[in-house]
Amino acid sequence: MHVITLSGSKKFKHQFERVNAFLTLQGNIVISLAFFEQSDGFKLTQEQVELLGDLHLKKIDMSDELFVIDVDGYIGNQTRKEIEYAEKNGKRIRYYSSFAKNTNEHRQMELWEQALNLIAGTIKRAQYETWFKDTKAKYDGETFFIDCANDFSKDWLYTHYSPLILKAAEQVTENDKVKIAFRSSKQTSETIDKSRVTLIKD
């Protein structure tokens, strides 16, 4: 369990709430902002702004970590001061931009793993080991982009397993409009010396 102070622009109220909930459910004590005047449409006096700034530094003193809400990389002057203060006092610093990216990638991996589990339960083990075991996928909210080992496996999955994959994708995303797209991560095997290979036609 750690004590974590959140820092960032007050216009990012939604992101503050999301991170607060996530970190709290991990068993941490989270110290957030008391006011989101830029999000809620009210103004503070300069004296109140300075008071809150001083209080926030004291919150950092009480914390093990500073978590910076830097949506789209935005860091304001006050937040920058708090980062410098945290660095000076040896506090761990994490950033929302990295958190959001890692969380999204983890979620994509989880969805594909769930889809693979459904697929594995409907086909023979040998088929799964041959065609699905080494696949990876990314989901952008609309389409699963499935990375196959090579062009041959890409074509085989598309031709023989599209309905099965689509059904699994619908179940794990709860989206009956989900799409799937196949792509190969590398080319097929080495070039063959055709002078040594003969195709006999019936």
Protein backbone atom coordinates (compact mmCIF):
# COMPACT_ATOMS: atom_id res chain seq x y z
CA MET A 1 0.00 0.00 0.00
CA HIS A 2 1.27 3.47 -0.94
CA VAL A 3 0.11 7.02 -0.42
CA ILE A 4 -0.22 8.67 -3.83
CA THR A 5 -0.95 12.32 -4.61
CA LEU A 6 -2.55 13.19 -7.94
CA SER A 7 -1.34 16.28 -9.79
CA GLY A 8 -2.41 17.96 -13.01
CA SER A 9 -4.66 20.49 -14.65
CA LYS A 10 -8.07 20.92 -13.02
CA LYS A 11 -9.71 20.67 -16.45
CA PHE A 12 -9.02 16.92 -16.43
CA LYS A 13 -11.62 16.03 -13.80
CA HIS A 14 -12.73 12.83 -15.56
CA GLN A 15 -9.17 11.51 -15.75
CA PHE A 16 -8.56 12.37 -12.08
CA GLU A 17 -11.63 10.37 -11.09
CA ARG A 18 -10.64 7.42 -13.27
CA VAL A 19 -7.09 7.23 -11.90
CA ASN A 20 -8.30 7.76 -8.33
CA ALA A 21 -10.64 4.77 -8.61
CA PHE A 22 -8.02 2.57 -10.31
CA LEU A 23 -5.27 3.26 -7.77
CA THR A 24 -7.66 2.96 -4.81
CA LEU A 25 -8.82 -0.47 -5.97
CA GLN A 26 -5.15 -1.51 -6.03
CA GLY A 27 -5.05 -0.85 -2.28
CA ASN A 28 -3.46 2.60 -2.27
CA ILE A 29 -4.39 5.73 -0.34
CA VAL A 30 -5.03 8.39 -2.96
CA ILE A 31 -4.93 12.15 -2.30
CA SER A 32 -6.67 14.07 -5.06
CA LEU A 33 -7.77 17.66 -5.67
CA ALA A 34 -10.53 19.28 -3.63
CA PHE A 35 -11.62 21.63 -6.42
CA PHE A 36 -11.90 21.29 -10.20
CA GLU A 37 -12.81 24.89 -10.94
CA GLN A 38 -11.78 24.67 -14.60
CA SER A 39 -14.08 21.66 -15.09
CA ASP A 40 -16.93 22.81 -12.84
CA GLY A 41 -17.09 26.41 -14.03
CA PHE A 42 -16.29 28.41 -10.89
CA LYS A 43 -13.30 30.61 -10.10
CA LEU A 44 -10.99 30.91 -7.10
CA THR A 45 -9.34 34.06 -5.85
CA GLN A 46 -5.58 34.42 -6.22
CA GLU A 47 -5.24 34.00 -2.46
CA GLN A 48 -7.17 30.72 -2.61
CA VAL A 49 -5.07 29.51 -5.53
CA GLU A 50 -1.86 30.16 -3.58
CA LEU A 51 -3.30 28.46 -0.49
CA LEU A 52 -4.22 25.34 -2.47
CA GLY A 53 -0.78 25.33 -4.09
CA ASP A 54 0.91 25.29 -0.67
CA LEU A 55 -1.48 22.60 0.57
CA HIS A 56 -0.68 20.45 -2.44
CA LEU A 57 3.03 20.56 -1.67
CA LYS A 58 2.22 19.37 1.85
CA LYS A 59 0.18 16.53 0.33
CA ILE A 60 3.28 15.55 -1.64
CA ASP A 61 5.30 15.58 1.60
CA MET A 62 2.85 13.01 3.01
CA SER A 63 3.02 10.81 -0.08
CA ASP A 64 5.24 8.08 -1.44
CA GLU A 65 4.45 8.98 -5.03
CA LEU A 66 3.22 11.74 -7.32
CA PHE A 67 0.92 10.67 -10.16
CA VAL A 68 0.77 13.32 -12.89
CA ILE A 69 -2.40 13.61 -14.98
CA ASP A 70 -0.76 14.76 -18.24
CA VAL A 71 -3.53 14.20 -20.78
CA ASP A 72 -2.06 14.46 -24.30
CA GLY A 73 1.24 15.45 -22.67
CA TYR A 74 -0.14 18.68 -21.18
CA ILE A 75 1.65 19.87 -18.02
CA GLY A 76 0.82 23.34 -16.64
CA ASN A 77 3.12 25.63 -14.67
CA GLN A 78 1.77 24.64 -11.23
CA THR A 79 1.99 20.94 -12.07
CA ARG A 80 5.56 21.42 -13.28
CA LYS A 81 6.46 23.03 -9.95
CA GLU A 82 4.93 20.06 -8.12
CA ILE A 83 6.94 17.62 -10.27
CA GLU A 84 10.15 19.51 -9.47
CA TYR A 85 9.25 19.53 -5.77
CA ALA A 86 8.55 15.79 -5.80
CA GLU A 87 11.84 15.08 -7.61
CA LYS A 88 13.76 17.22 -5.12
CA ASN A 89 12.23 15.26 -2.23
CA GLY A 90 12.88 11.84 -3.75
CA LYS A 91 9.29 10.92 -4.53
CA ARG A 92 8.42 8.39 -7.20
CA ILE A 93 6.71 10.01 -10.20
CA ARG A 94 4.37 8.37 -12.69
CA TYR A 95 2.50 9.84 -15.64
CA TYR A 96 -1.05 9.33 -16.88
CA SER A 97 0.13 9.26 -20.51
CA SER A 98 2.19 6.11 -19.83
CA PHE A 99 -0.51 4.62 -17.61
CA ALA A 100 -3.22 5.10 -20.25
CA LYS A 101 -1.06 3.56 -22.98
CA ASN A 102 -0.08 0.53 -20.88
CA THR A 103 -3.63 0.02 -19.62
CA ASN A 104 -5.01 0.08 -23.15
CA GLU A 105 -2.40 -2.37 -24.44
CA HIS A 106 -3.06 -4.68 -21.49
CA ARG A 107 -6.79 -4.54 -22.17
CA GLN A 108 -6.22 -5.41 -25.85
CA MET A 109 -4.12 -8.43 -24.86
CA GLU A 110 -6.77 -9.58 -22.39
CA LEU A 111 -9.53 -9.41 -25.00
CA TRP A 112 -7.56 -11.48 -27.51
CA GLU A 113 -6.64 -14.03 -24.83
CA GLN A 114 -10.33 -14.36 -23.98
CA ALA A 115 -11.16 -14.82 -27.67
CA LEU A 116 -8.45 -17.48 -28.02
CA ASN A 117 -9.85 -19.37 -25.03
CA LEU A 118 -13.26 -19.47 -26.68
CA ILE A 119 -11.74 -20.64 -29.96
CA ALA A 120 -9.65 -23.33 -28.24
CA GLY A 121 -12.80 -24.77 -26.75
CA THR A 122 -14.44 -25.30 -30.13
CA ILE A 123 -11.68 -26.82 -32.29
CA LYS A 124 -9.20 -29.66 -31.97
CA ARG A 125 -6.04 -29.01 -30.02
CA ALA A 126 -3.84 -29.71 -33.04
CA GLN A 127 -5.73 -27.11 -35.06
CA TYR A 128 -5.39 -24.53 -32.31
CA GLU A 129 -1.67 -25.21 -31.84
CA THR A 130 -1.05 -24.94 -35.58
CA TRP A 131 -3.09 -21.86 -36.49
CA PHE A 132 -3.84 -19.83 -33.37
CA LYS A 133 -1.18 -20.36 -30.72
CA ASP A 134 1.28 -17.75 -32.02
CA THR A 135 -1.23 -15.13 -33.10
CA LYS A 136 -1.46 -11.70 -31.51
CA ALA A 137 -4.08 -9.01 -31.96
CA LYS A 138 -4.86 -5.37 -31.29
CA TYR A 139 -8.38 -3.99 -30.90
CA ASP A 140 -9.06 -0.33 -31.68
CA GLY A 141 -12.65 -0.32 -30.48
CA GLU A 142 -13.98 -1.31 -33.88
CA THR A 143 -11.63 -3.85 -35.45
CA PHE A 144 -9.43 -6.71 -34.22
CA PHE A 145 -6.17 -6.57 -36.20
CA ILE A 146 -4.88 -10.14 -36.05
CA ASP A 147 -1.14 -10.65 -36.57
CA CYS A 148 -0.34 -14.02 -38.14
CA ALA A 149 3.01 -15.77 -38.38
CA ASN A 150 3.21 -15.51 -42.17
CA ASP A 151 1.19 -14.99 -45.34
CA PHE A 152 0.16 -18.64 -45.56
CA SER A 153 -1.32 -18.74 -42.05
CA LYS A 154 -2.97 -15.37 -42.66
CA ASP A 155 -4.74 -16.71 -45.77
CA TRP A 156 -5.65 -19.98 -44.02
CA LEU A 157 -7.21 -18.25 -41.02
CA TYR A 158 -9.11 -15.89 -43.29
CA THR A 159 -10.43 -18.70 -45.49
CA HIS A 160 -11.20 -21.36 -42.88
CA TYR A 161 -11.72 -19.64 -39.53
CA SER A 162 -13.19 -16.17 -40.14
CA PRO A 163 -16.71 -17.07 -38.87
CA LEU A 164 -15.30 -18.70 -35.71
CA ILE A 165 -12.99 -15.78 -34.95
CA LEU A 166 -15.73 -13.24 -35.62
CA LYS A 167 -18.08 -15.02 -33.23
CA ALA A 168 -15.44 -15.09 -30.48
CA ALA A 169 -14.65 -11.41 -31.07
CA GLU A 170 -18.33 -10.51 -30.75
CA GLN A 171 -18.56 -12.33 -27.42
CA VAL A 172 -15.49 -10.81 -25.76
CA THR A 173 -16.20 -7.26 -26.94
CA GLU A 174 -19.98 -7.50 -26.54
CA ASN A 175 -20.13 -5.78 -29.92
CA ASP A 176 -22.11 -7.49 -32.68
CA LYS A 177 -20.66 -5.03 -35.22
CA VAL A 178 -17.02 -5.82 -34.47
CA LYS A 179 -14.75 -6.39 -37.47
CA ILE A 180 -11.65 -8.54 -37.92
CA ALA A 181 -8.64 -7.96 -40.16
CA PHE A 182 -5.75 -10.32 -40.85
CA ARG A 183 -2.15 -9.35 -41.45
CA SER A 184 1.16 -11.22 -41.49
CA SER A 185 4.03 -10.22 -39.27
CA LYS A 186 6.62 -11.63 -41.65
CA GLN A 187 6.93 -13.22 -45.05
CA THR A 188 6.79 -16.93 -45.72
CA SER A 189 9.85 -19.16 -45.91
CA GLU A 190 13.02 -18.58 -47.92
CA THR A 191 13.01 -18.38 -51.70
CA ILE A 192 12.88 -21.84 -53.31
CA ASP A 193 15.24 -22.89 -56.11
CA LYS A 194 12.54 -23.67 -58.68
CA SER A 195 15.01 -25.59 -60.85
CA ARG A 196 14.89 -28.34 -58.21
CA VAL A 197 11.12 -28.42 -57.78
CA THR A 198 8.59 -29.96 -60.15
CA LEU A 199 4.81 -29.69 -60.02
CA ILE A 200 3.15 -32.70 -61.65
CA LYS A 201 -0.35 -31.99 -62.89
CA ASP A 202 -2.95 -34.73 -63.18
